PDB file of N, CA and C in Angstrom:
ATOM      1  N   MET A   1     -22.638  -8.155  -4.428  1.00  0.00           N
ATOM      2  CA  MET A   1     -22.267  -9.491  -4.031  1.00  0.00           C
ATOM      3  C   MET A   1     -21.270  -9.424  -2.865  1.00  0.00           C
ATOM      4  N   ILE A   2     -21.654  -9.964  -1.751  1.00  0.00           N
ATOM      5  CA  ILE A   2     -20.795  -9.952  -0.568  1.00  0.00           C
ATOM      6  C   ILE A   2     -19.773 -11.081  -0.679  1.00  0.00           C
ATOM      7  N   LYS A   3     -18.524 -10.736  -0.365  1.00  0.00           N
ATOM      8  CA  LYS A   3     -17.430 -11.686  -0.516  1.00  0.00           C
ATOM      9  C   LYS A   3     -16.581 -11.701   0.750  1.00  0.00           C
ATOM     10  N   ILE A   4     -16.219 -12.903   1.194  1.00  0.00           N
ATOM     11  CA  ILE A   4     -15.308 -13.046   2.325  1.00  0.00           C
ATOM     12  C   ILE A   4     -13.892 -13.175   1.774  1.00  0.00           C
ATOM     13  N   VAL A   5     -13.012 -12.301   2.263  1.00  0.00           N
ATOM     14  CA  VAL A   5     -11.614 -12.295   1.842  1.00  0.00           C
ATOM     15  C   VAL A   5     -10.794 -12.814   3.021  1.00  0.00           C
ATOM     16  N   SER A   6      -9.958 -13.817   2.746  1.00  0.00           N
ATOM     17  CA  SER A   6      -9.134 -14.426   3.793  1.00  0.00           C
ATOM     18  C   SER A   6      -7.755 -14.718   3.225  1.00  0.00           C
ATOM     19  N   SER A   7      -6.877 -15.245   4.054  1.00  0.00           N
ATOM     20  CA  SER A   7      -5.530 -15.573   3.574  1.00  0.00           C
ATOM     21  C   SER A   7      -5.585 -16.675   2.508  1.00  0.00           C
ATOM     22  N   ASP A   8      -6.649 -17.475   2.510  1.00  0.00           N
ATOM     23  CA  ASP A   8      -6.833 -18.516   1.495  1.00  0.00           C
ATOM     24  C   ASP A   8      -7.546 -18.000   0.252  1.00  0.00           C
ATOM     25  N   ASN A   9      -8.129 -16.798   0.357  1.00  0.00           N
ATOM     26  CA  ASN A   9      -8.953 -16.249  -0.720  1.00  0.00           C
ATOM     27  C   ASN A   9      -8.722 -14.737  -0.803  1.00  0.00           C
ATOM     28  N   LYS A  10      -7.516 -14.342  -1.183  1.00  0.00           N
ATOM     29  CA  LYS A  10      -7.158 -12.929  -1.242  1.00  0.00           C
ATOM     30  C   LYS A  10      -7.849 -12.247  -2.419  1.00  0.00           C
ATOM     31  N   ILE A  11      -7.798 -10.922  -2.444  1.00  0.00           N
ATOM     32  CA  ILE A  11      -8.418 -10.159  -3.526  1.00  0.00           C
ATOM     33  C   ILE A  11      -7.386  -9.226  -4.145  1.00  0.00           C
ATOM     34  N   LYS A  12      -7.468  -9.072  -5.446  1.00  0.00           N
ATOM     35  CA  LYS A  12      -6.583  -8.155  -6.153  1.00  0.00           C
ATOM     36  C   LYS A  12      -7.168  -6.741  -6.104  1.00  0.00           C
ATOM     37  N   MET A  13      -6.293  -5.766  -6.102  1.00  0.00           N
ATOM     38  CA  MET A  13      -6.722  -4.373  -6.095  1.00  0.00           C
ATOM     39  C   MET A  13      -7.585  -4.071  -7.322  1.00  0.00           C
ATOM     40  N   SER A  14      -7.261  -4.660  -8.460  1.00  0.00           N
ATOM     41  CA  SER A  14      -8.055  -4.438  -9.674  1.00  0.00           C
ATOM     42  C   SER A  14      -9.496  -4.918  -9.492  1.00  0.00           C
ATOM     43  N   GLU A  15      -9.674  -6.029  -8.796  1.00  0.00           N
ATOM     44  CA  GLU A  15     -11.022  -6.526  -8.525  1.00  0.00           C
ATOM     45  C   GLU A  15     -11.741  -5.604  -7.546  1.00  0.00           C
ATOM     46  N   LEU A  16     -11.019  -5.130  -6.556  1.00  0.00           N
ATOM     47  CA  LEU A  16     -11.582  -4.185  -5.589  1.00  0.00           C
ATOM     48  C   LEU A  16     -12.044  -2.915  -6.300  1.00  0.00           C
ATOM     49  N   LYS A  17     -11.241  -2.446  -7.240  1.00  0.00           N
ATOM     50  CA  LYS A  17     -11.583  -1.250  -8.010  1.00  0.00           C
ATOM     51  C   LYS A  17     -12.858  -1.488  -8.825  1.00  0.00           C
ATOM     52  N   LYS A  18     -12.978  -2.651  -9.407  1.00  0.00           N
ATOM     53  CA  LYS A  18     -14.177  -2.988 -10.192  1.00  0.00           C
ATOM     54  C   LYS A  18     -15.421  -3.000  -9.303  1.00  0.00           C
ATOM     55  N   ILE A  19     -15.302  -3.580  -8.117  1.00  0.00           N
ATOM     56  CA  ILE A  19     -16.425  -3.611  -7.167  1.00  0.00           C
ATOM     57  C   ILE A  19     -16.807  -2.187  -6.778  1.00  0.00           C
ATOM     58  N   ALA A  20     -15.799  -1.347  -6.531  1.00  0.00           N
ATOM     59  CA  ALA A  20     -16.064   0.050  -6.174  1.00  0.00           C
ATOM     60  C   ALA A  20     -16.845   0.749  -7.280  1.00  0.00           C
ATOM     61  N   GLU A  21     -16.409   0.578  -8.515  1.00  0.00           N
ATOM     62  CA  GLU A  21     -17.067   1.234  -9.648  1.00  0.00           C
ATOM     63  C   GLU A  21     -18.510   0.771  -9.802  1.00  0.00           C
ATOM     64  N   GLU A  22     -18.775  -0.486  -9.523  1.00  0.00           N
ATOM     65  CA  GLU A  22     -20.129  -1.037  -9.653  1.00  0.00           C
ATOM     66  C   GLU A  22     -21.051  -0.597  -8.522  1.00  0.00           C
ATOM     67  N   MET A  23     -20.483  -0.358  -7.330  1.00  0.00           N
ATOM     68  CA  MET A  23     -21.328  -0.084  -6.167  1.00  0.00           C
ATOM     69  C   MET A  23     -21.427   1.408  -5.829  1.00  0.00           C
ATOM     70  N   PHE A  24     -20.305   1.994  -5.458  1.00  0.00           N
ATOM     71  CA  PHE A  24     -20.320   3.358  -4.941  1.00  0.00           C
ATOM     72  C   PHE A  24     -19.393   4.299  -5.707  1.00  0.00           C
ATOM     73  N   ASP A  25     -18.920   3.868  -6.848  1.00  0.00           N
ATOM     74  CA  ASP A  25     -18.052   4.635  -7.720  1.00  0.00           C
ATOM     75  C   ASP A  25     -16.603   4.691  -7.257  1.00  0.00           C
ATOM     76  N   ILE A  26     -16.351   5.096  -6.006  1.00  0.00           N
ATOM     77  CA  ILE A  26     -14.959   5.280  -5.585  1.00  0.00           C
ATOM     78  C   ILE A  26     -14.568   4.467  -4.357  1.00  0.00           C
ATOM     79  N   LEU A  27     -15.508   3.794  -3.727  1.00  0.00           N
ATOM     80  CA  LEU A  27     -15.174   3.083  -2.491  1.00  0.00           C
ATOM     81  C   LEU A  27     -15.855   1.734  -2.390  1.00  0.00           C
ATOM     82  N   VAL A  28     -15.286   0.893  -1.537  1.00  0.00           N
ATOM     83  CA  VAL A  28     -15.859  -0.403  -1.198  1.00  0.00           C
ATOM     84  C   VAL A  28     -16.001  -0.440   0.313  1.00  0.00           C
ATOM     85  N   LYS A  29     -17.195  -0.772   0.777  1.00  0.00           N
ATOM     86  CA  LYS A  29     -17.403  -0.920   2.218  1.00  0.00           C
ATOM     87  C   LYS A  29     -16.884  -2.287   2.640  1.00  0.00           C
ATOM     88  N   GLY A  30     -16.335  -2.332   3.840  1.00  0.00           N
ATOM     89  CA  GLY A  30     -15.815  -3.593   4.340  1.00  0.00           C
ATOM     90  C   GLY A  30     -15.930  -3.696   5.843  1.00  0.00           C
ATOM     91  N   VAL A  31     -15.923  -4.910   6.334  1.00  0.00           N
ATOM     92  CA  VAL A  31     -15.889  -5.175   7.772  1.00  0.00           C
ATOM     93  C   VAL A  31     -14.764  -6.169   8.023  1.00  0.00           C
ATOM     94  N   VAL A  32     -13.914  -5.821   8.981  1.00  0.00           N
ATOM     95  CA  VAL A  32     -12.765  -6.652   9.329  1.00  0.00           C
ATOM     96  C   VAL A  32     -13.021  -7.340  10.663  1.00  0.00           C
ATOM     97  N   ASP A  33     -12.759  -8.637  10.708  1.00  0.00           N
ATOM     98  CA  ASP A  33     -12.736  -9.378  11.968  1.00  0.00           C
ATOM     99  C   ASP A  33     -11.270  -9.428  12.383  1.00  0.00           C
ATOM    100  N   ILE A  34     -10.913  -8.649  13.397  1.00  0.00           N
ATOM    101  CA  ILE A  34      -9.501  -8.544  13.782  1.00  0.00           C
ATOM    102  C   ILE A  34      -8.994  -9.793  14.495  1.00  0.00           C
ATOM    103  N   GLU A  35      -9.880 -10.654  14.957  1.00  0.00           N
ATOM    104  CA  GLU A  35      -9.457 -11.904  15.590  1.00  0.00           C
ATOM    105  C   GLU A  35      -9.196 -12.984  14.534  1.00  0.00           C
ATOM    106  N   LYS A  36     -10.137 -13.150  13.630  1.00  0.00           N
ATOM    107  CA  LYS A  36     -10.010 -14.178  12.587  1.00  0.00           C
ATOM    108  C   LYS A  36      -9.174 -13.700  11.399  1.00  0.00           C
ATOM    109  N   GLU A  37      -8.870 -12.412  11.359  1.00  0.00           N
ATOM    110  CA  GLU A  37      -8.092 -11.801  10.285  1.00  0.00           C
ATOM    111  C   GLU A  37      -8.710 -12.048   8.917  1.00  0.00           C
ATOM    112  N   ILE A  38     -10.019 -11.740   8.838  1.00  0.00           N
ATOM    113  CA  ILE A  38     -10.734 -11.819   7.572  1.00  0.00           C
ATOM    114  C   ILE A  38     -11.434 -10.491   7.311  1.00  0.00           C
ATOM    115  N   LEU A  39     -11.801 -10.295   6.051  1.00  0.00           N
ATOM    116  CA  LEU A  39     -12.442  -9.067   5.597  1.00  0.00           C
ATOM    117  C   LEU A  39     -13.639  -9.456   4.751  1.00  0.00           C
ATOM    118  N   VAL A  40     -14.758  -8.785   4.979  1.00  0.00           N
ATOM    119  CA  VAL A  40     -15.928  -8.988   4.138  1.00  0.00           C
ATOM    120  C   VAL A  40     -16.155  -7.694   3.376  1.00  0.00           C
ATOM    121  N   ILE A  41     -16.364  -7.814   2.063  1.00  0.00           N
ATOM    122  CA  ILE A  41     -16.582  -6.644   1.213  1.00  0.00           C
ATOM    123  C   ILE A  41     -17.803  -6.860   0.327  1.00  0.00           C
ATOM    124  N   GLY A  42     -18.247  -5.784  -0.295  1.00  0.00           N
ATOM    125  CA  GLY A  42     -19.281  -5.898  -1.318  1.00  0.00           C
ATOM    126  C   GLY A  42     -20.699  -5.682  -0.851  1.00  0.00           C
ATOM    127  N   GLY A  43     -20.896  -5.403   0.420  1.00  0.00           N
ATOM    128  CA  GLY A  43     -22.245  -5.137   0.897  1.00  0.00           C
ATOM    129  C   GLY A  43     -22.636  -3.693   0.673  1.00  0.00           C
ATOM    130  N   GLU A  44     -23.925  -3.470   0.584  1.00  0.00           N
ATOM    131  CA  GLU A  44     -24.414  -2.099   0.448  1.00  0.00           C
ATOM    132  C   GLU A  44     -24.247  -1.333   1.752  1.00  0.00           C
ATOM    133  N   LEU A  45     -24.360  -2.068   2.858  1.00  0.00           N
ATOM    134  CA  LEU A  45     -24.200  -1.482   4.187  1.00  0.00           C
ATOM    135  C   LEU A  45     -23.174  -2.293   4.981  1.00  0.00           C
ATOM    136  N   HIS A  46     -22.454  -1.613   5.850  1.00  0.00           N
ATOM    137  CA  HIS A  46     -21.533  -2.326   6.741  1.00  0.00           C
ATOM    138  C   HIS A  46     -22.295  -3.350   7.581  1.00  0.00           C
ATOM    139  N   SER A  47     -23.510  -3.016   7.945  1.00  0.00           N
ATOM    140  CA  SER A  47     -24.292  -3.919   8.801  1.00  0.00           C
ATOM    141  C   SER A  47     -24.623  -5.230   8.088  1.00  0.00           C
ATOM    142  N   ASP A  48     -24.750  -5.210   6.761  1.00  0.00           N
ATOM    143  CA  ASP A  48     -24.973  -6.460   6.006  1.00  0.00           C
ATOM    144  C   ASP A  48     -23.762  -7.375   6.132  1.00  0.00           C
ATOM    145  N   GLU A  49     -22.584  -6.778   6.002  1.00  0.00           N
ATOM    146  CA  GLU A  49     -21.341  -7.544   6.099  1.00  0.00           C
ATOM    147  C   GLU A  49     -21.125  -8.030   7.532  1.00  0.00           C
ATOM    148  N   GLU A  50     -21.432  -7.169   8.488  1.00  0.00           N
ATOM    149  CA  GLU A  50     -21.318  -7.532   9.898  1.00  0.00           C
ATOM    150  C   GLU A  50     -22.226  -8.727  10.209  1.00  0.00           C
ATOM    151  N   ALA A  51     -23.458  -8.700   9.694  1.00  0.00           N
ATOM    152  CA  ALA A  51     -24.407  -9.789   9.942  1.00  0.00           C
ATOM    153  C   ALA A  51     -23.881 -11.117   9.409  1.00  0.00           C
ATOM    154  N   LEU A  52     -23.264 -11.092   8.225  1.00  0.00           N
ATOM    155  CA  LEU A  52     -22.701 -12.318   7.654  1.00  0.00           C
ATOM    156  C   LEU A  52     -21.609 -12.887   8.555  1.00  0.00           C
ATOM    157  N   LEU A  53     -20.744 -12.017   9.051  1.00  0.00           N
ATOM    158  CA  LEU A  53     -19.678 -12.479   9.937  1.00  0.00           C
ATOM    159  C   LEU A  53     -20.235 -13.024  11.259  1.00  0.00           C
ATOM    160  N   LEU A  54     -21.210 -12.356  11.808  1.00  0.00           N
ATOM    161  CA  LEU A  54     -21.820 -12.831  13.057  1.00  0.00           C
ATOM    162  C   LEU A  54     -22.465 -14.203  12.850  1.00  0.00           C
ATOM    163  N   GLU A  55     -23.125 -14.398  11.708  1.00  0.00           N
ATOM    164  CA  GLU A  55     -23.730 -15.690  11.384  1.00  0.00           C
ATOM    165  C   GLU A  55     -22.679 -16.795  11.268  1.00  0.00           C
ATOM    166  N   ASN A  56     -21.450 -16.394  10.932  1.00  0.00           N
ATOM    167  CA  ASN A  56     -20.362 -17.360  10.754  1.00  0.00           C
ATOM    168  C   ASN A  56     -19.447 -17.453  11.964  1.00  0.00           C
ATOM    169  N   GLY A  57     -19.933 -16.987  13.138  1.00  0.00           N
ATOM    170  CA  GLY A  57     -19.207 -17.210  14.378  1.00  0.00           C
ATOM    171  C   GLY A  57     -18.310 -16.095  14.859  1.00  0.00           C
ATOM    172  N   SER A  58     -18.264 -14.975  14.162  1.00  0.00           N
ATOM    173  CA  SER A  58     -17.450 -13.853  14.636  1.00  0.00           C
ATOM    174  C   SER A  58     -18.097 -13.216  15.854  1.00  0.00           C
ATOM    175  N   LYS A  59     -17.281 -12.543  16.654  1.00  0.00           N
ATOM    176  CA  LYS A  59     -17.758 -11.854  17.844  1.00  0.00           C
ATOM    177  C   LYS A  59     -17.874 -10.364  17.544  1.00  0.00           C
ATOM    178  N   HIS A  60     -18.943  -9.768  18.018  1.00  0.00           N
ATOM    179  CA  HIS A  60     -19.227  -8.352  17.752  1.00  0.00           C
ATOM    180  C   HIS A  60     -18.057  -7.440  18.091  1.00  0.00           C
ATOM    181  N   GLU A  61     -17.395  -7.705  19.198  1.00  0.00           N
ATOM    182  CA  GLU A  61     -16.308  -6.827  19.641  1.00  0.00           C
ATOM    183  C   GLU A  61     -15.085  -6.872  18.719  1.00  0.00           C
ATOM    184  N   ASN A  62     -15.023  -7.867  17.834  1.00  0.00           N
ATOM    185  CA  ASN A  62     -13.895  -7.991  16.910  1.00  0.00           C
ATOM    186  C   ASN A  62     -14.177  -7.430  15.524  1.00  0.00           C
ATOM    187  N   LEU A  63     -15.383  -6.922  15.313  1.00  0.00           N
ATOM    188  CA  LEU A  63     -15.791  -6.468  13.979  1.00  0.00           C
ATOM    189  C   LEU A  63     -15.746  -4.952  13.877  1.00  0.00           C
ATOM    190  N   TRP A  64     -15.055  -4.471  12.826  1.00  0.00           N
ATOM    191  CA  TRP A  64     -14.870  -3.032  12.629  1.00  0.00           C
ATOM    192  C   TRP A  64     -15.120  -2.676  11.174  1.00  0.00           C
ATOM    193  N   GLY A  65     -15.903  -1.633  10.968  1.00  0.00           N
ATOM    194  CA  GLY A  65     -16.245  -1.195   9.620  1.00  0.00           C
ATOM    195  C   GLY A  65     -15.230  -0.220   9.056  1.00  0.00           C
ATOM    196  N   ILE A  66     -14.914  -0.425   7.778  1.00  0.00           N
ATOM    197  CA  ILE A  66     -13.975   0.443   7.074  1.00  0.00           C
ATOM    198  C   ILE A  66     -14.505   0.718   5.668  1.00  0.00           C
ATOM    199  N   ASN A  67     -13.902   1.681   5.012  1.00  0.00           N
ATOM    200  CA  ASN A  67     -14.131   1.927   3.594  1.00  0.00           C
ATOM    201  C   ASN A  67     -12.770   1.873   2.913  1.00  0.00           C
ATOM    202  N   LEU A  68     -12.741   1.241   1.747  1.00  0.00           N
ATOM    203  CA  LEU A  68     -11.506   1.131   0.982  1.00  0.00           C
ATOM    204  C   LEU A  68     -11.650   1.936  -0.302  1.00  0.00           C
ATOM    205  N   TYR A  69     -10.630   2.735  -0.600  1.00  0.00           N
ATOM    206  CA  TYR A  69     -10.609   3.592  -1.779  1.00  0.00           C
ATOM    207  C   TYR A  69      -9.487   3.106  -2.706  1.00  0.00           C
ATOM    208  N   PRO A  70      -9.802   2.228  -3.664  1.00  0.00           N
ATOM    209  CA  PRO A  70      -8.771   1.618  -4.510  1.00  0.00           C
ATOM    210  C   PRO A  70      -7.903   2.606  -5.289  1.00  0.00           C
ATOM    211  N   ASP A  71      -8.410   3.782  -5.600  1.00  0.00           N
ATOM    212  CA  ASP A  71      -7.626   4.759  -6.360  1.00  0.00           C
ATOM    213  C   ASP A  71      -6.733   5.626  -5.485  1.00  0.00           C
ATOM    214  N   GLU A  72      -6.848   5.497  -4.187  1.00  0.00           N
ATOM    215  CA  GLU A  72      -6.062   6.323  -3.260  1.00  0.00           C
ATOM    216  C   GLU A  72      -4.858   5.543  -2.743  1.00  0.00           C
ATOM    217  N   LYS A  73      -3.724   6.170  -2.732  1.00  0.00           N
ATOM    218  CA  LYS A  73      -2.533   5.521  -2.177  1.00  0.00           C
ATOM    219  C   LYS A  73      -2.327   5.906  -0.715  1.00  0.00           C
ATOM    220  N   GLU A  74      -2.471   7.171  -0.410  1.00  0.00           N
ATOM    221  CA  GLU A  74      -2.248   7.676   0.958  1.00  0.00           C
ATOM    222  C   GLU A  74      -3.418   7.367   1.886  1.00  0.00           C
ATOM    223  N   ASN A  75      -4.628   7.513   1.389  1.00  0.00           N
ATOM    224  CA  ASN A  75      -5.825   7.334   2.222  1.00  0.00           C
ATOM    225  C   ASN A  75      -6.664   6.162   1.726  1.00  0.00           C
ATOM    226  N   PHE A  76      -6.013   5.025   1.525  1.00  0.00           N
ATOM    227  CA  PHE A  76      -6.679   3.830   1.017  1.00  0.00           C
ATOM    228  C   PHE A  76      -7.750   3.321   1.982  1.00  0.00           C
ATOM    229  N   ILE A  77      -7.471   3.391   3.289  1.00  0.00           N
ATOM    230  CA  ILE A  77      -8.409   2.891   4.300  1.00  0.00           C
ATOM    231  C   ILE A  77      -8.996   4.063   5.081  1.00  0.00           C
ATOM    232  N   GLU A  78     -10.315   4.078   5.162  1.00  0.00           N
ATOM    233  CA  GLU A  78     -11.023   5.041   6.018  1.00  0.00           C
ATOM    234  C   GLU A  78     -11.642   4.229   7.153  1.00  0.00           C
ATOM    235  N   PHE A  79     -11.425   4.678   8.370  1.00  0.00           N
ATOM    236  CA  PHE A  79     -11.825   3.908   9.548  1.00  0.00           C
ATOM    237  C   PHE A  79     -13.154   4.391  10.131  1.00  0.00           C
ATOM    238  N   GLY A  80     -14.141   4.624   9.285  1.00  0.00           N
ATOM    239  CA  GLY A  80     -15.410   5.146   9.774  1.00  0.00           C
ATOM    240  C   GLY A  80     -16.601   4.298   9.367  1.00  0.00           C
ATOM    241  N   SER A  81     -17.470   4.024  10.330  1.00  0.00           N
ATOM    242  CA  SER A  81     -18.714   3.293  10.083  1.00  0.00           C
ATOM    243  C   SER A  81     -19.587   3.367  11.332  1.00  0.00           C
ATOM    244  N   VAL A  82     -20.876   3.349  11.117  1.00  0.00           N
ATOM    245  CA  VAL A  82     -21.815   3.347  12.244  1.00  0.00           C
ATOM    246  C   VAL A  82     -21.607   2.114  13.131  1.00  0.00           C
ATOM    247  N   ILE A  83     -21.192   0.988  12.542  1.00  0.00           N
ATOM    248  CA  ILE A  83     -21.022  -0.219  13.366  1.00  0.00           C
ATOM    249  C   ILE A  83     -19.852  -0.098  14.334  1.00  0.00           C
ATOM    250  N   ASN A  84     -19.029   0.932  14.147  1.00  0.00           N
ATOM    251  CA  ASN A  84     -17.881   1.132  15.048  1.00  0.00           C
ATOM    252  C   ASN A  84     -18.270   1.812  16.354  1.00  0.00           C
ATOM    253  N   ILE A  85     -19.482   2.298  16.453  1.00  0.00           N
ATOM    254  CA  ILE A  85     -19.925   2.914  17.706  1.00  0.00           C
ATOM    255  C   ILE A  85     -20.156   1.785  18.713  1.00  0.00           C
ATOM    256  N   LYS A  86     -19.218   1.671  19.651  1.00  0.00           N
ATOM    257  CA  LYS A  86     -19.247   0.596  20.648  1.00  0.00           C
ATOM    258  C   LYS A  86     -18.856   1.188  21.999  1.00  0.00           C
ATOM    259  N   PRO A  87     -19.782   1.896  22.641  1.00  0.00           N
ATOM    260  CA  PRO A  87     -19.453   2.544  23.916  1.00  0.00           C
ATOM    261  C   PRO A  87     -18.920   1.580  24.969  1.00  0.00           C
ATOM    262  N   SER A  88     -19.401   0.336  24.950  1.00  0.00           N
ATOM    263  CA  SER A  88     -18.942  -0.633  25.957  1.00  0.00           C
ATOM    264  C   SER A  88     -17.461  -0.982  25.767  1.00  0.00           C
ATOM    265  N   LEU A  89     -16.933  -0.727  24.571  1.00  0.00           N
ATOM    266  CA  LEU A  89     -15.520  -0.974  24.293  1.00  0.00           C
ATOM    267  C   LEU A  89     -14.720   0.329  24.270  1.00  0.00           C
ATOM    268  N   GLY A  90     -15.381   1.426  24.620  1.00  0.00           N
ATOM    269  CA  GLY A  90     -14.705   2.719  24.672  1.00  0.00           C
ATOM    270  C   GLY A  90     -14.668   3.461  23.350  1.00  0.00           C
ATOM    271  N   ASN A  91     -15.348   2.947  22.331  1.00  0.00           N
ATOM    272  CA  ASN A  91     -15.373   3.625  21.024  1.00  0.00           C
ATOM    273  C   ASN A  91     -16.735   4.299  20.872  1.00  0.00           C
ATOM    274  N   LYS A  92     -16.756   5.596  21.079  1.00  0.00           N
ATOM    275  CA  LYS A  92     -18.029   6.322  21.111  1.00  0.00           C
ATOM    276  C   LYS A  92     -18.342   7.073  19.825  1.00  0.00           C
ATOM    277  N   SER A  93     -17.536   6.873  18.798  1.00  0.00           N
ATOM    278  CA  SER A  93     -17.801   7.561  17.534  1.00  0.00           C
ATOM    279  C   SER A  93     -17.763   6.565  16.378  1.00  0.00           C
ATOM    280  N   ARG A  94     -18.096   7.061  15.186  1.00  0.00           N
ATOM    281  CA  ARG A  94     -18.045   6.237  13.977  1.00  0.00           C
ATOM    282  C   ARG A  94     -16.611   5.857  13.614  1.00  0.00           C
ATOM    283  N   ASP A  95     -15.669   6.698  14.018  1.00  0.00           N
ATOM    284  CA  ASP A  95     -14.269   6.440  13.713  1.00  0.00           C
ATOM    285  C   ASP A  95     -13.674   5.487  14.745  1.00  0.00           C
ATOM    286  N   ILE A  96     -12.760   4.655  14.312  1.00  0.00           N
ATOM    287  CA  ILE A  96     -12.054   3.769  15.231  1.00  0.00           C
ATOM    288  C   ILE A  96     -11.040   4.621  15.977  1.00  0.00           C
ATOM    289  N   GLU A  97     -11.180   4.683  17.285  1.00  0.00           N
ATOM    290  CA  GLU A  97     -10.358   5.578  18.094  1.00  0.00           C
ATOM    291  C   GLU A  97      -9.072   4.927  18.613  1.00  0.00           C
ATOM    292  N   ASP A  98      -9.047   3.621  18.739  1.00  0.00           N
ATOM    293  CA  ASP A  98      -7.899   2.907  19.292  1.00  0.00           C
ATOM    294  C   ASP A  98      -6.830   2.706  18.210  1.00  0.00           C
ATOM    295  N   PRO A  99      -5.645   3.313  18.380  1.00  0.00           N
ATOM    296  CA  PRO A  99      -4.589   3.176  17.368  1.00  0.00           C
ATOM    297  C   PRO A  99      -4.129   1.731  17.163  1.00  0.00           C
ATOM    298  N   GLU A 100      -4.204   0.905  18.184  1.00  0.00           N
ATOM    299  CA  GLU A 100      -3.804  -0.498  18.050  1.00  0.00           C
ATOM    300  C   GLU A 100      -4.765  -1.260  17.134  1.00  0.00           C
ATOM    301  N   ILE A 101      -6.051  -0.975  17.259  1.00  0.00           N
ATOM    302  CA  ILE A 101      -7.037  -1.625  16.386  1.00  0.00           C
ATOM    303  C   ILE A 101      -6.833  -1.160  14.949  1.00  0.00           C
ATOM    304  N   LYS A 102      -6.591   0.125  14.765  1.00  0.00           N
ATOM    305  CA  LYS A 102      -6.324   0.641  13.419  1.00  0.00           C
ATOM    306  C   LYS A 102      -5.116  -0.055  12.801  1.00  0.00           C
ATOM    307  N   GLU A 103      -4.074  -0.228  13.576  1.00  0.00           N
ATOM    308  CA  GLU A 103      -2.861  -0.868  13.073  1.00  0.00           C
ATOM    309  C   GLU A 103      -3.127  -2.330  12.712  1.00  0.00           C
ATOM    310  N   LYS A 104      -3.898  -3.042  13.534  1.00  0.00           N
ATOM    311  CA  LYS A 104      -4.259  -4.431  13.220  1.00  0.00           C
ATOM    312  C   LYS A 104      -5.008  -4.489  11.893  1.00  0.00           C
ATOM    313  N   ILE A 105      -5.951  -3.569  11.720  1.00  0.00           N
ATOM    314  CA  ILE A 105      -6.741  -3.544  10.484  1.00  0.00           C
ATOM    315  C   ILE A 105      -5.841  -3.276   9.286  1.00  0.00           C
ATOM    316  N   LYS A 106      -4.936  -2.315   9.401  1.00  0.00           N
ATOM    317  CA  LYS A 106      -4.005  -2.022   8.299  1.00  0.00           C
ATOM    318  C   LYS A 106      -3.223  -3.269   7.906  1.00  0.00           C
ATOM    319  N   LYS A 107      -2.698  -3.984   8.884  1.00  0.00           N
ATOM    320  CA  LYS A 107      -1.896  -5.181   8.612  1.00  0.00           C
ATOM    321  C   LYS A 107      -2.735  -6.282   7.962  1.00  0.00           C
ATOM    322  N   ILE A 108      -3.960  -6.450   8.427  1.00  0.00           N
ATOM    323  CA  ILE A 108      -4.851  -7.462   7.850  1.00  0.00           C
ATOM    324  C   ILE A 108      -5.163  -7.116   6.400  1.00  0.00           C
ATOM    325  N   VAL A 109      -5.512  -5.870   6.148  1.00  0.00           N
ATOM    326  CA  VAL A 109      -5.831  -5.444   4.783  1.00  0.00           C
ATOM    327  C   VAL A 109      -4.610  -5.593   3.877  1.00  0.00           C
ATOM    328  N   GLU A 110      -3.441  -5.236   4.362  1.00  0.00           N
ATOM    329  CA  GLU A 110      -2.204  -5.384   3.575  1.00  0.00           C
ATOM    330  C   GLU A 110      -1.954  -6.842   3.183  1.00  0.00           C
ATOM    331  N   LYS A 111      -2.306  -7.774   4.078  1.00  0.00           N
ATOM    332  CA  LYS A 111      -2.121  -9.197   3.798  1.00  0.00           C
ATOM    333  C   LYS A 111      -3.144  -9.727   2.807  1.00  0.00           C
ATOM    334  N   LEU A 112      -4.350  -9.154   2.832  1.00  0.00           N
ATOM    335  CA  LEU A 112      -5.448  -9.722   2.051  1.00  0.00           C
ATOM    336  C   LEU A 112      -5.666  -9.085   0.685  1.00  0.00           C
ATOM    337  N   VAL A 113      -5.176  -7.861   0.494  1.00  0.00           N
ATOM    338  CA  VAL A 113      -5.362  -7.159  -0.782  1.00  0.00           C
ATOM    339  C   VAL A 113      -4.032  -7.140  -1.530  1.00  0.00           C
ATOM    340  N   ILE A 114      -4.028  -7.744  -2.702  1.00  0.00           N
ATOM    341  CA  ILE A 114      -2.831  -7.816  -3.539  1.00  0.00           C
ATOM    342  C   ILE A 114      -2.851  -6.623  -4.492  1.00  0.00           C
ATOM    343  N   ASN A 115      -1.840  -5.782  -4.411  1.00  0.00           N
ATOM    344  CA  ASN A 115      -1.798  -4.608  -5.269  1.00  0.00           C
ATOM    345  C   ASN A 115      -1.218  -4.978  -6.636  1.00  0.00           C
ATOM    346  N   ASP A 116      -2.107  -5.217  -7.590  1.00  0.00           N
ATOM    347  CA  ASP A 116      -1.696  -5.560  -8.948  1.00  0.00           C
ATOM    348  C   ASP A 116      -1.790  -4.351  -9.886  1.00  0.00           C
ATOM    349  N   LEU A 117      -1.955  -3.171  -9.330  1.00  0.00           N
ATOM    350  CA  LEU A 117      -2.088  -1.950 -10.125  1.00  0.00           C
ATOM    351  C   LEU A 117      -0.836  -1.089 -10.094  1.00  0.00           C
ATOM    352  N   LEU A 118       0.288  -1.663  -9.812  1.00  0.00           N
ATOM    353  CA  LEU A 118       1.539  -0.910  -9.687  1.00  0.00           C
ATOM    354  C   LEU A 118       1.977  -0.295 -10.986  1.00  0.00           C
TER     355      LEU A 118
END
């Protein structure tokens, strides 16, 4: 089940963990719109989540694929996805190469995911 997470509709870490266990055991795929500051999770593929955002008015250049690991504290966010290959924006690999974009994503995820597993 694909879900849009926003400042009006945040997600708890416990719910994220449940989604991970149901889908891929240890991770949840997500796509962040760094302009609108929203996150889509729960798709089988990053491209499914990307398509939903594009249908809802997001711009391709603002969409970045990540993986979230609810059980990890140090490496909670992985910045790798095929949708991140954007040569026209200078990103030629699956990993997000721009440190500023990574930092924006970290801040957005921190705002949208409530850690209730303390």
